[in-house]
Amino acid sequence: MNDFAFLLSLTLKSSMAVLLAAQGEVLSERAGVINLGQEGMMLMGAFIGYLVGYLTGNAALAFAAAGLVGSLLALLHGFFAIRLGANQLLSGIALSILGAGLANFMGRGFIGKPGLRVGEWPIPVLSDLPMVGKAVFGQNALVYVAVLVTVAMWFALSRTRWGLTVRACGENPTAADAMGAPVIRTRFTAVALGGFLSGMAGAYLSLVFTPGWKEGISAGQGWIAVAIVIFSGWRPLGALAGSLFFGFLSALQFFSQATGNNVVPLYILRILPYVLTILTLSFAAALGRRGRAPAGLGKPFFREH
C-alpha cells in the first residue's frame, strides 16, 4: 500500500466513531433537542461493547448492546429535557459526566484484558482495485455502515414525511403540533436513535479502532461530534465532511509514526485535530453558520390542553 492509500485508510478508520456520533446528534438537534451527553454515551457504549464482546465473542451482539445502552442513556436525558422541560445543556453535561463515571467505574477490572477484535471485511472485487481499492473497500464493516447511515440520514431528513416531521418539531413544535405531528414522541424517537448511534460509535473504538478497554478511550470525540454538527450546519453530508477532516488530522500522527516522517513534532499532531476543530467552529460561527440552527433547538415544548 502506497503512502497516499495508507493515509486514506487511516483517515477513514479515524473518522468513523466521530461520524456516527455526529449523525446521531444531527438527528437529535434537528428534532429540537440538544444532547451534550455524547462523550458519556460513547464511553458507555465502548465499555458495554467491549464487555459483551469479551463475554460472548459475538460482534453483532456487542454492537447491538452498545447501541442499546446509548439509547437508554439518551432516553434518560430525554426524560428530563423533553418530558420535564429541564435545561438541555445542563442535562446533557450531567449525562456526559454520568456515562464517563459509570464506564470508568465498571471497567476498572477489565483494563489491559484482551477482548474481541473485529477485523476488516474486504468487499470482493472492489478491494482489489489499484491504488485505493484496499484503502477504501478493505475496511471494517462498521465503516460501510457509517457511510450508509449518513446517506440514509440525508435521505430521511430531506426526502421523507418522517424527516419533515422531525424538522418541523425542531423548527416550530407548536405549529407542528397544531398540524397533528406527535412532537413529544418524535423528539424521544430522534433522541433514542441518536443515542443508539453514539453507543455504536463507542463500541467501534473498543472493538475496531483500538481493541480493548481503557479509561477515556473516546478521548473527547463526543465533544468533537457536537462541534462538527454546528460546523456542518446541521446537515448529514456536512457532518460527513467535518468528520473526515477530523479523521485526516488524527491520521497524520499515526502516519508520521509509521513512516518515520517527523517533520512536525508528534505532540503538535496530537493536539492539532482539537485546536483546528475549535478554530474552524469559531470561524463557522463568525460566518453565520449558527443561523442555520433549528429555530426550536433547546426550547422545551408543552402541549396546551
C-alpha atoms as a PDB file:
ATOM      1  CA  MET A   1       0.000   0.000   0.000  1.00  0.00           C
ATOM      2  CA  ASN A   2       1.483   3.339  -1.058  1.00  0.00           C
ATOM      3  CA  ASP A   3       1.691   6.321   1.282  1.00  0.00           C
ATOM      4  CA  PHE A   4      -1.421   8.001  -0.145  1.00  0.00           C
ATOM      5  CA  ALA A   5      -3.541   4.870   0.204  1.00  0.00           C
ATOM      6  CA  PHE A   6      -2.169   4.271   3.689  1.00  0.00           C
ATOM      7  CA  LEU A   7      -3.076   7.812   4.806  1.00  0.00           C
ATOM      8  CA  LEU A   8      -6.520   7.468   3.205  1.00  0.00           C
ATOM      9  CA  SER A   9      -7.111   4.201   5.056  1.00  0.00           C
ATOM     10  CA  LEU A  10      -6.056   5.763   8.361  1.00  0.00           C
ATOM     11  CA  THR A  11      -8.307   8.762   7.716  1.00  0.00           C
ATOM     12  CA  LEU A  12     -11.354   6.575   7.198  1.00  0.00           C
ATOM     13  CA  LYS A  13     -10.573   4.498  10.285  1.00  0.00           C
ATOM     14  CA  SER A  14     -10.101   7.620  12.411  1.00  0.00           C
ATOM     15  CA  SER A  15     -13.313   9.266  11.173  1.00  0.00           C
ATOM     16  CA  MET A  16     -15.964   6.655  11.772  1.00  0.00           C
ATOM     17  CA  ALA A  17     -16.566   6.932  15.526  1.00  0.00           C
ATOM     18  CA  VAL A  18     -16.988  10.695  15.449  1.00  0.00           C
ATOM     19  CA  LEU A  19     -19.095  10.384  12.267  1.00  0.00           C
ATOM     20  CA  LEU A  20     -21.614   8.030  13.885  1.00  0.00           C
ATOM     21  CA  ALA A  21     -21.850  10.221  16.987  1.00  0.00           C
ATOM     22  CA  ALA A  22     -22.235  13.352  14.856  1.00  0.00           C
ATOM     23  CA  GLN A  23     -25.045  11.812  12.790  1.00  0.00           C
ATOM     24  CA  GLY A  24     -26.831  10.883  15.995  1.00  0.00           C
ATOM     25  CA  GLU A  25     -26.513  14.440  17.240  1.00  0.00           C
ATOM     26  CA  VAL A  26     -27.696  15.848  13.888  1.00  0.00           C
ATOM     27  CA  LEU A  27     -30.886  13.813  14.210  1.00  0.00           C
ATOM     28  CA  SER A  28     -31.452  14.828  17.822  1.00  0.00           C
ATOM     29  CA  GLU A  29     -30.862  18.514  17.196  1.00  0.00           C
ATOM     30  CA  ARG A  30     -32.952  18.617  14.030  1.00  0.00           C
ATOM     31  CA  ALA A  31     -35.803  17.442  16.269  1.00  0.00           C
ATOM     32  CA  GLY A  32     -35.051  20.333  18.650  1.00  0.00           C
ATOM     33  CA  VAL A  33     -33.125  18.549  21.414  1.00  0.00           C
ATOM     34  CA  ILE A  34     -29.503  19.355  22.253  1.00  0.00           C
ATOM     35  CA  ASN A  35     -27.679  16.369  23.721  1.00  0.00           C
ATOM     36  CA  LEU A  36     -24.243  17.209  25.097  1.00  0.00           C
ATOM     37  CA  GLY A  37     -24.006  13.743  26.608  1.00  0.00           C
ATOM     38  CA  GLN A  38     -22.232  12.336  23.540  1.00  0.00           C
ATOM     39  CA  GLU A  39     -18.984  11.724  25.411  1.00  0.00           C
ATOM     40  CA  GLY A  40     -20.716   9.781  28.176  1.00  0.00           C
ATOM     41  CA  MET A  41     -22.790   7.718  25.744  1.00  0.00           C
ATOM     42  CA  MET A  42     -19.713   6.886  23.676  1.00  0.00           C
ATOM     43  CA  LEU A  43     -17.746   5.793  26.747  1.00  0.00           C
ATOM     44  CA  MET A  44     -20.579   3.596  27.999  1.00  0.00           C
ATOM     45  CA  GLY A  45     -21.042   2.187  24.506  1.00  0.00           C
ATOM     46  CA  ALA A  46     -17.312   1.476  24.332  1.00  0.00           C
ATOM     47  CA  PHE A  47     -17.315  -0.381  27.644  1.00  0.00           C
ATOM     48  CA  ILE A  48     -20.541  -2.336  27.097  1.00  0.00           C
ATOM     49  CA  GLY A  49     -19.458  -3.241  23.567  1.00  0.00           C
ATOM     50  CA  TYR A  50     -16.106  -4.446  24.888  1.00  0.00           C
ATOM     51  CA  LEU A  51     -17.738  -6.342  27.784  1.00  0.00           C
ATOM     52  CA  VAL A  52     -20.321  -8.152  25.645  1.00  0.00           C
ATOM     53  CA  GLY A  53     -17.667  -8.973  23.052  1.00  0.00           C
ATOM     54  CA  TYR A  54     -15.354 -10.221  25.805  1.00  0.00           C
ATOM     55  CA  LEU A  55     -18.067 -12.451  27.282  1.00  0.00           C
ATOM     56  CA  THR A  56     -19.739 -13.742  24.112  1.00  0.00           C
ATOM     57  CA  GLY A  57     -17.279 -13.317  21.248  1.00  0.00           C
ATOM     58  CA  ASN A  58     -20.205 -12.103  19.112  1.00  0.00           C
ATOM     59  CA  ALA A  59     -19.529  -8.801  17.324  1.00  0.00           C
ATOM     60  CA  ALA A  60     -23.137  -8.187  16.257  1.00  0.00           C
ATOM     61  CA  LEU A  61     -24.378  -8.685  19.807  1.00  0.00           C
ATOM     62  CA  ALA A  62     -21.633  -6.404  21.145  1.00  0.00           C
ATOM     63  CA  PHE A  63     -22.551  -3.542  18.800  1.00  0.00           C
ATOM     64  CA  ALA A  64     -26.278  -4.025  19.478  1.00  0.00           C
ATOM     65  CA  ALA A  65     -25.718  -3.927  23.249  1.00  0.00           C
ATOM     66  CA  ALA A  66     -23.586  -0.796  22.922  1.00  0.00           C
ATOM     67  CA  GLY A  67     -26.274   0.894  20.847  1.00  0.00           C
ATOM     68  CA  LEU A  68     -28.940  -0.125  23.342  1.00  0.00           C
ATOM     69  CA  VAL A  69     -27.092   1.363  26.330  1.00  0.00           C
ATOM     70  CA  GLY A  70     -26.552   4.535  24.300  1.00  0.00           C
ATOM     71  CA  SER A  71     -30.303   4.718  23.645  1.00  0.00           C
ATOM     72  CA  LEU A  72     -31.137   4.162  27.315  1.00  0.00           C
ATOM     73  CA  LEU A  73     -28.836   6.979  28.400  1.00  0.00           C
ATOM     74  CA  ALA A  74     -30.245   9.236  25.698  1.00  0.00           C
ATOM     75  CA  LEU A  75     -33.783   8.474  26.861  1.00  0.00           C
ATOM     76  CA  LEU A  76     -32.748   9.414  30.394  1.00  0.00           C
ATOM     77  CA  HIS A  77     -31.668  12.774  29.011  1.00  0.00           C
ATOM     78  CA  GLY A  78     -34.913  12.920  27.057  1.00  0.00           C
ATOM     79  CA  PHE A  79     -36.990  12.357  30.195  1.00  0.00           C
ATOM     80  CA  PHE A  80     -35.513  15.418  31.863  1.00  0.00           C
ATOM     81  CA  ALA A  81     -35.149  17.595  28.759  1.00  0.00           C
ATOM     82  CA  ILE A  82     -38.319  16.679  26.868  1.00  0.00           C
ATOM     83  CA  ARG A  83     -40.792  15.472  29.446  1.00  0.00           C
ATOM     84  CA  LEU A  84     -39.810  17.720  32.362  1.00  0.00           C
ATOM     85  CA  GLY A  85     -38.523  20.673  30.312  1.00  0.00           C
ATOM     86  CA  ALA A  86     -35.182  20.830  32.111  1.00  0.00           C
ATOM     87  CA  ASN A  87     -32.286  22.856  30.731  1.00  0.00           C
ATOM     88  CA  GLN A  88     -30.982  20.712  27.875  1.00  0.00           C
ATOM     89  CA  LEU A  89     -27.399  21.900  28.179  1.00  0.00           C
ATOM     90  CA  LEU A  90     -27.156  21.083  31.869  1.00  0.00           C
ATOM     91  CA  SER A  91     -28.915  17.747  31.434  1.00  0.00           C
ATOM     92  CA  GLY A  92     -26.554  16.784  28.609  1.00  0.00           C
ATOM     93  CA  ILE A  93     -23.442  17.717  30.559  1.00  0.00           C
ATOM     94  CA  ALA A  94     -24.722  15.728  33.544  1.00  0.00           C
ATOM     95  CA  LEU A  95     -25.296  12.748  31.239  1.00  0.00           C
ATOM     96  CA  SER A  96     -21.759  13.024  29.915  1.00  0.00           C
ATOM     97  CA  ILE A  97     -20.344  13.026  33.450  1.00  0.00           C
ATOM     98  CA  LEU A  98     -22.608  10.128  34.464  1.00  0.00           C
ATOM     99  CA  GLY A  99     -21.687   7.988  31.465  1.00  0.00           C
ATOM    100  CA  ALA A 100     -17.977   8.611  31.863  1.00  0.00           C
ATOM    101  CA  GLY A 101     -18.083   7.869  35.586  1.00  0.00           C
ATOM    102  CA  LEU A 102     -20.073   4.654  35.165  1.00  0.00           C
ATOM    103  CA  ALA A 103     -17.848   3.386  32.365  1.00  0.00           C
ATOM    104  CA  ASN A 104     -14.652   4.068  34.292  1.00  0.00           C
ATOM    105  CA  PHE A 105     -16.039   2.536  37.496  1.00  0.00           C
ATOM    106  CA  MET A 106     -17.347  -0.644  35.882  1.00  0.00           C
ATOM    107  CA  GLY A 107     -14.325  -1.021  33.640  1.00  0.00           C
ATOM    108  CA  ARG A 108     -11.622  -0.895  36.312  1.00  0.00           C
ATOM    109  CA  GLY A 109     -11.254  -4.660  36.479  1.00  0.00           C
ATOM    110  CA  PHE A 110     -11.005  -5.050  32.701  1.00  0.00           C
ATOM    111  CA  ILE A 111      -8.190  -2.643  31.896  1.00  0.00           C
ATOM    112  CA  GLY A 112      -5.482  -4.476  29.983  1.00  0.00           C
ATOM    113  CA  LYS A 113      -7.551  -7.613  29.376  1.00  0.00           C
ATOM    114  CA  PRO A 114      -7.693  -8.583  25.683  1.00  0.00           C
ATOM    115  CA  GLY A 115     -11.201  -8.528  24.265  1.00  0.00           C
ATOM    116  CA  LEU A 116     -12.909  -9.220  20.980  1.00  0.00           C
ATOM    117  CA  ARG A 117     -11.139  -7.746  17.959  1.00  0.00           C
ATOM    118  CA  VAL A 118     -13.319  -7.110  14.916  1.00  0.00           C
ATOM    119  CA  GLY A 119     -11.199  -7.165  11.780  1.00  0.00           C
ATOM    120  CA  GLU A 120     -11.568  -5.896   8.250  1.00  0.00           C
ATOM    121  CA  TRP A 121     -14.266  -7.043   5.864  1.00  0.00           C
ATOM    122  CA  PRO A 122     -12.929  -6.525   2.310  1.00  0.00           C
ATOM    123  CA  ILE A 123     -15.526  -6.154  -0.428  1.00  0.00           C
ATOM    124  CA  PRO A 124     -14.797  -8.648  -3.218  1.00  0.00           C
ATOM    125  CA  VAL A 125     -13.521  -7.196  -6.485  1.00  0.00           C
ATOM    126  CA  LEU A 126     -13.656  -3.579  -5.253  1.00  0.00           C
ATOM    127  CA  SER A 127     -10.922  -4.157  -2.664  1.00  0.00           C
ATOM    128  CA  ASP A 128      -8.662  -5.386  -5.476  1.00  0.00           C
ATOM    129  CA  LEU A 129      -8.855  -2.130  -7.407  1.00  0.00           C
ATOM    130  CA  PRO A 130      -5.449  -0.489  -7.915  1.00  0.00           C
ATOM    131  CA  MET A 131      -4.228   2.452  -5.815  1.00  0.00           C
ATOM    132  CA  VAL A 132      -7.069   2.899  -3.326  1.00  0.00           C
ATOM    133  CA  GLY A 133      -9.077  -0.329  -3.531  1.00  0.00           C
ATOM    134  CA  LYS A 134      -7.786  -1.855  -0.315  1.00  0.00           C
ATOM    135  CA  ALA A 135      -7.738   1.506   1.500  1.00  0.00           C
ATOM    136  CA  VAL A 136     -11.406   2.264   0.775  1.00  0.00           C
ATOM    137  CA  PHE A 137     -13.034  -1.144   0.292  1.00  0.00           C
ATOM    138  CA  GLY A 138     -10.900  -3.190   2.668  1.00  0.00           C
ATOM    139  CA  GLN A 139     -12.250  -1.569   5.827  1.00  0.00           C
ATOM    140  CA  ASN A 140     -14.192  -2.891   8.781  1.00  0.00           C
ATOM    141  CA  ALA A 141     -17.903  -3.487   8.172  1.00  0.00           C
ATOM    142  CA  LEU A 142     -18.882  -0.640  10.518  1.00  0.00           C
ATOM    143  CA  VAL A 143     -17.103   1.828   8.237  1.00  0.00           C
ATOM    144  CA  TYR A 144     -19.525   0.912   5.466  1.00  0.00           C
ATOM    145  CA  VAL A 145     -22.409   1.049   7.943  1.00  0.00           C
ATOM    146  CA  ALA A 146     -21.415   4.579   8.991  1.00  0.00           C
ATOM    147  CA  VAL A 147     -21.413   5.746   5.371  1.00  0.00           C
ATOM    148  CA  LEU A 148     -24.789   4.087   4.747  1.00  0.00           C
ATOM    149  CA  VAL A 149     -26.165   5.722   7.907  1.00  0.00           C
ATOM    150  CA  THR A 150     -25.036   9.107   6.572  1.00  0.00           C
ATOM    151  CA  VAL A 151     -26.797   8.569   3.238  1.00  0.00           C
ATOM    152  CA  ALA A 152     -29.901   7.220   4.977  1.00  0.00           C
ATOM    153  CA  MET A 153     -29.943  10.204   7.348  1.00  0.00           C
ATOM    154  CA  TRP A 154     -29.695  12.659   4.451  1.00  0.00           C
ATOM    155  CA  PHE A 155     -32.464  10.885   2.559  1.00  0.00           C
ATOM    156  CA  ALA A 156     -34.735  10.541   5.600  1.00  0.00           C
ATOM    157  CA  LEU A 157     -34.440  14.181   6.663  1.00  0.00           C
ATOM    158  CA  SER A 158     -34.786  15.661   3.207  1.00  0.00           C
ATOM    159  CA  ARG A 159     -36.972  13.234   1.266  1.00  0.00           C
ATOM    160  CA  THR A 160     -39.396  11.537   3.655  1.00  0.00           C
ATOM    161  CA  ARG A 161     -42.518  12.513   5.543  1.00  0.00           C
ATOM    162  CA  TRP A 162     -40.963  11.378   8.812  1.00  0.00           C
ATOM    163  CA  GLY A 163     -37.954  13.590   8.166  1.00  0.00           C
ATOM    164  CA  LEU A 164     -40.243  16.544   7.510  1.00  0.00           C
ATOM    165  CA  THR A 165     -41.955  15.866  10.828  1.00  0.00           C
ATOM    166  CA  VAL A 166     -38.593  15.755  12.641  1.00  0.00           C
ATOM    167  CA  ARG A 167     -37.540  19.054  11.106  1.00  0.00           C
ATOM    168  CA  ALA A 168     -40.890  20.648  11.891  1.00  0.00           C
ATOM    169  CA  CYS A 169     -40.579  19.609  15.542  1.00  0.00           C
ATOM    170  CA  GLY A 170     -37.174  21.275  15.635  1.00  0.00           C
ATOM    171  CA  GLU A 171     -38.203  24.454  13.862  1.00  0.00           C
ATOM    172  CA  ASN A 172     -41.630  25.197  15.329  1.00  0.00           C
ATOM    173  CA  PRO A 173     -43.011  22.500  17.633  1.00  0.00           C
ATOM    174  CA  THR A 174     -46.180  24.473  18.378  1.00  0.00           C
ATOM    175  CA  ALA A 175     -47.057  24.712  14.688  1.00  0.00           C
ATOM    176  CA  ALA A 176     -46.104  21.069  14.165  1.00  0.00           C
ATOM    177  CA  ASP A 177     -48.431  20.063  16.998  1.00  0.00           C
ATOM    178  CA  ALA A 178     -51.244  22.139  15.501  1.00  0.00           C
ATOM    179  CA  MET A 179     -50.785  20.214  12.243  1.00  0.00           C
ATOM    180  CA  GLY A 180     -51.158  16.932  14.108  1.00  0.00           C
ATOM    181  CA  ALA A 181     -47.490  15.950  14.443  1.00  0.00           C
ATOM    182  CA  PRO A 182     -46.621  13.940  17.595  1.00  0.00           C
ATOM    183  CA  VAL A 183     -43.936  16.331  18.829  1.00  0.00           C
ATOM    184  CA  ILE A 184     -43.044  14.592  22.097  1.00  0.00           C
ATOM    185  CA  ARG A 185     -42.914  11.128  20.540  1.00  0.00           C
ATOM    186  CA  THR A 186     -40.893  12.370  17.567  1.00  0.00           C
ATOM    187  CA  ARG A 187     -38.355  14.052  19.829  1.00  0.00           C
ATOM    188  CA  PHE A 188     -37.995  10.961  22.011  1.00  0.00           C
ATOM    189  CA  THR A 189     -37.538   8.780  18.917  1.00  0.00           C
ATOM    190  CA  ALA A 190     -34.882  11.077  17.473  1.00  0.00           C
ATOM    191  CA  VAL A 191     -33.014  11.241  20.782  1.00  0.00           C
ATOM    192  CA  ALA A 192     -33.135   7.437  21.219  1.00  0.00           C
ATOM    193  CA  LEU A 193     -31.890   6.783  17.678  1.00  0.00           C
ATOM    194  CA  GLY A 194     -29.156   9.371  18.172  1.00  0.00           C
ATOM    195  CA  GLY A 195     -28.104   7.645  21.378  1.00  0.00           C
ATOM    196  CA  PHE A 196     -28.009   4.285  19.588  1.00  0.00           C
ATOM    197  CA  LEU A 197     -25.572   5.666  17.016  1.00  0.00           C
ATOM    198  CA  SER A 198     -23.407   7.200  19.748  1.00  0.00           C
ATOM    199  CA  GLY A 199     -23.283   3.886  21.602  1.00  0.00           C
ATOM    200  CA  MET A 200     -22.210   2.115  18.424  1.00  0.00           C
ATOM    201  CA  ALA A 201     -19.585   4.800  17.894  1.00  0.00           C
ATOM    202  CA  GLY A 202     -18.112   3.963  21.278  1.00  0.00           C
ATOM    203  CA  ALA A 203     -18.143   0.241  20.507  1.00  0.00           C
ATOM    204  CA  TYR A 204     -16.244   0.959  17.297  1.00  0.00           C
ATOM    205  CA  LEU A 205     -13.431   2.402  19.394  1.00  0.00           C
ATOM    206  CA  SER A 206     -13.142  -0.581  21.764  1.00  0.00           C
ATOM    207  CA  LEU A 207     -13.745  -3.327  19.190  1.00  0.00           C
ATOM    208  CA  VAL A 208     -12.187  -1.999  15.995  1.00  0.00           C
ATOM    209  CA  PHE A 209     -10.066   1.129  16.278  1.00  0.00           C
ATOM    210  CA  THR A 210      -8.122   0.316  19.446  1.00  0.00           C
ATOM    211  CA  PRO A 211      -9.459  -3.086  20.583  1.00  0.00           C
ATOM    212  CA  GLY A 212      -9.646  -3.417  24.348  1.00  0.00           C
ATOM    213  CA  TRP A 213     -10.804  -1.231  27.195  1.00  0.00           C
ATOM    214  CA  LYS A 214      -9.093   1.726  28.801  1.00  0.00           C
ATOM    215  CA  GLU A 215     -10.385   4.762  30.649  1.00  0.00           C
ATOM    216  CA  GLY A 216     -11.108   7.770  28.467  1.00  0.00           C
ATOM    217  CA  ILE A 217     -10.951   5.714  25.272  1.00  0.00           C
ATOM    218  CA  SER A 218     -13.104   8.256  23.407  1.00  0.00           C
ATOM    219  CA  ALA A 219     -10.509  10.995  24.035  1.00  0.00           C
ATOM    220  CA  GLY A 220     -13.016  13.825  23.674  1.00  0.00           C
ATOM    221  CA  GLN A 221     -14.518  12.643  20.374  1.00  0.00           C
ATOM    222  CA  GLY A 222     -18.031  13.083  21.766  1.00  0.00           C
ATOM    223  CA  TRP A 223     -17.410  16.807  22.181  1.00  0.00           C
ATOM    224  CA  ILE A 224     -15.822  16.942  18.731  1.00  0.00           C
ATOM    225  CA  ALA A 225     -19.004  15.367  17.313  1.00  0.00           C
ATOM    226  CA  VAL A 226     -21.125  18.149  18.822  1.00  0.00           C
ATOM    227  CA  ALA A 227     -18.797  20.764  17.320  1.00  0.00           C
ATOM    228  CA  ILE A 228     -18.955  19.062  13.919  1.00  0.00           C
ATOM    229  CA  VAL A 229     -22.760  19.243  13.956  1.00  0.00           C
ATOM    230  CA  ILE A 230     -22.629  23.024  14.366  1.00  0.00           C
ATOM    231  CA  PHE A 231     -19.857  23.376  11.800  1.00  0.00           C
ATOM    232  CA  SER A 232     -21.828  21.268   9.307  1.00  0.00           C
ATOM    233  CA  GLY A 233     -24.903  23.450   9.553  1.00  0.00           C
ATOM    234  CA  TRP A 234     -26.928  20.547  10.985  1.00  0.00           C
ATOM    235  CA  ARG A 235     -26.631  18.615   7.701  1.00  0.00           C
ATOM    236  CA  PRO A 236     -25.721  14.897   7.476  1.00  0.00           C
ATOM    237  CA  LEU A 237     -23.432  15.314   4.463  1.00  0.00           C
ATOM    238  CA  GLY A 238     -21.752  18.288   6.093  1.00  0.00           C
ATOM    239  CA  ALA A 239     -21.170  16.148   9.184  1.00  0.00           C
ATOM    240  CA  LEU A 240     -19.503  13.555   6.950  1.00  0.00           C
ATOM    241  CA  ALA A 241     -17.131  16.192   5.570  1.00  0.00           C
ATOM    242  CA  GLY A 242     -16.341  17.514   9.056  1.00  0.00           C
ATOM    243  CA  SER A 243     -15.708  14.005  10.374  1.00  0.00           C
ATOM    244  CA  LEU A 244     -13.347  13.198   7.513  1.00  0.00           C
ATOM    245  CA  PHE A 245     -11.491  16.431   8.228  1.00  0.00           C
ATOM    246  CA  PHE A 246     -11.106  15.437  11.873  1.00  0.00           C
ATOM    247  CA  GLY A 247     -10.098  11.923  10.827  1.00  0.00           C
ATOM    248  CA  PHE A 248      -7.444  13.241   8.473  1.00  0.00           C
ATOM    249  CA  LEU A 249      -5.907  15.391  11.197  1.00  0.00           C
ATOM    250  CA  SER A 250      -5.946  12.440  13.601  1.00  0.00           C
ATOM    251  CA  ALA A 251      -4.465  10.118  10.981  1.00  0.00           C
ATOM    252  CA  LEU A 252      -1.482  12.386  10.463  1.00  0.00           C
ATOM    253  CA  GLN A 253       0.027  11.404  13.814  1.00  0.00           C
ATOM    254  CA  PHE A 254      -0.242   7.664  13.067  1.00  0.00           C
ATOM    255  CA  PHE A 255       1.063   8.207   9.550  1.00  0.00           C
ATOM    256  CA  SER A 256       4.011  10.188  10.900  1.00  0.00           C
ATOM    257  CA  GLN A 257       4.917   7.444  13.382  1.00  0.00           C
ATOM    258  CA  ALA A 258       4.534   4.624  10.863  1.00  0.00           C
ATOM    259  CA  THR A 259       6.557   6.276   8.099  1.00  0.00           C
ATOM    260  CA  GLY A 260       9.155   7.968  10.298  1.00  0.00           C
ATOM    261  CA  ASN A 261       8.257  11.361   8.866  1.00  0.00           C
ATOM    262  CA  ASN A 262       8.731  13.583  11.915  1.00  0.00           C
ATOM    263  CA  VAL A 263       8.834  16.976  10.202  1.00  0.00           C
ATOM    264  CA  VAL A 264       6.081  18.145  12.550  1.00  0.00           C
ATOM    265  CA  PRO A 265       6.583  17.234  16.252  1.00  0.00           C
ATOM    266  CA  LEU A 266       4.287  14.459  17.416  1.00  0.00           C
ATOM    267  CA  TYR A 267       2.781  16.461  20.270  1.00  0.00           C
ATOM    268  CA  ILE A 268       1.700  19.114  17.745  1.00  0.00           C
ATOM    269  CA  LEU A 269      -0.006  16.467  15.623  1.00  0.00           C
ATOM    270  CA  ARG A 270      -1.808  15.096  18.682  1.00  0.00           C
ATOM    271  CA  ILE A 271      -3.409  18.421  19.625  1.00  0.00           C
ATOM    272  CA  LEU A 272      -3.908  19.607  16.034  1.00  0.00           C
ATOM    273  CA  PRO A 273      -7.351  17.959  15.480  1.00  0.00           C
ATOM    274  CA  TYR A 274      -8.792  19.585  18.593  1.00  0.00           C
ATOM    275  CA  VAL A 275      -7.239  23.003  18.068  1.00  0.00           C
ATOM    276  CA  LEU A 276      -8.278  23.211  14.414  1.00  0.00           C
ATOM    277  CA  THR A 277     -11.771  21.956  15.229  1.00  0.00           C
ATOM    278  CA  ILE A 278     -12.201  24.793  17.742  1.00  0.00           C
ATOM    279  CA  LEU A 279     -10.819  27.331  15.269  1.00  0.00           C
ATOM    280  CA  THR A 280     -12.981  26.029  12.435  1.00  0.00           C
ATOM    281  CA  LEU A 281     -16.052  26.132  14.664  1.00  0.00           C
ATOM    282  CA  SER A 282     -15.247  29.700  15.648  1.00  0.00           C
ATOM    283  CA  PHE A 283     -14.897  30.770  12.012  1.00  0.00           C
ATOM    284  CA  ALA A 284     -18.108  28.957  11.096  1.00  0.00           C
ATOM    285  CA  ALA A 285     -19.989  30.814  13.833  1.00  0.00           C
ATOM    286  CA  ALA A 286     -18.465  34.128  12.736  1.00  0.00           C
ATOM    287  CA  LEU A 287     -19.572  33.475   9.159  1.00  0.00           C
ATOM    288  CA  GLY A 288     -23.147  32.903  10.198  1.00  0.00           C
ATOM    289  CA  ARG A 289     -23.395  29.120  10.240  1.00  0.00           C
ATOM    290  CA  ARG A 290     -25.089  29.308  13.603  1.00  0.00           C
ATOM    291  CA  GLY A 291     -28.040  30.948  11.890  1.00  0.00           C
ATOM    292  CA  ARG A 292     -28.907  27.580  10.350  1.00  0.00           C
ATOM    293  CA  ALA A 293     -29.732  26.053  13.712  1.00  0.00           C
ATOM    294  CA  PRO A 294     -33.325  24.838  14.060  1.00  0.00           C
ATOM    295  CA  ALA A 295     -35.399  27.676  15.496  1.00  0.00           C
ATOM    296  CA  GLY A 296     -36.803  25.492  18.272  1.00  0.00           C
ATOM    297  CA  LEU A 297     -33.470  23.963  19.263  1.00  0.00           C
ATOM    298  CA  GLY A 298     -33.090  23.697  23.036  1.00  0.00           C
ATOM    299  CA  LYS A 299     -36.586  25.039  23.715  1.00  0.00           C
ATOM    300  CA  PRO A 300     -38.943  22.814  25.743  1.00  0.00           C
ATOM    301  CA  PHE A 301     -42.387  22.067  24.366  1.00  0.00           C
ATOM    302  CA  PHE A 302     -45.504  21.528  26.455  1.00  0.00           C
ATOM    303  CA  ARG A 303     -48.770  20.801  24.731  1.00  0.00           C
ATOM    304  CA  GLU A 304     -51.609  23.089  25.711  1.00  0.00           C
ATOM    305  CA  HIS A 305     -54.836  21.357  26.614  1.00  0.00           C
END
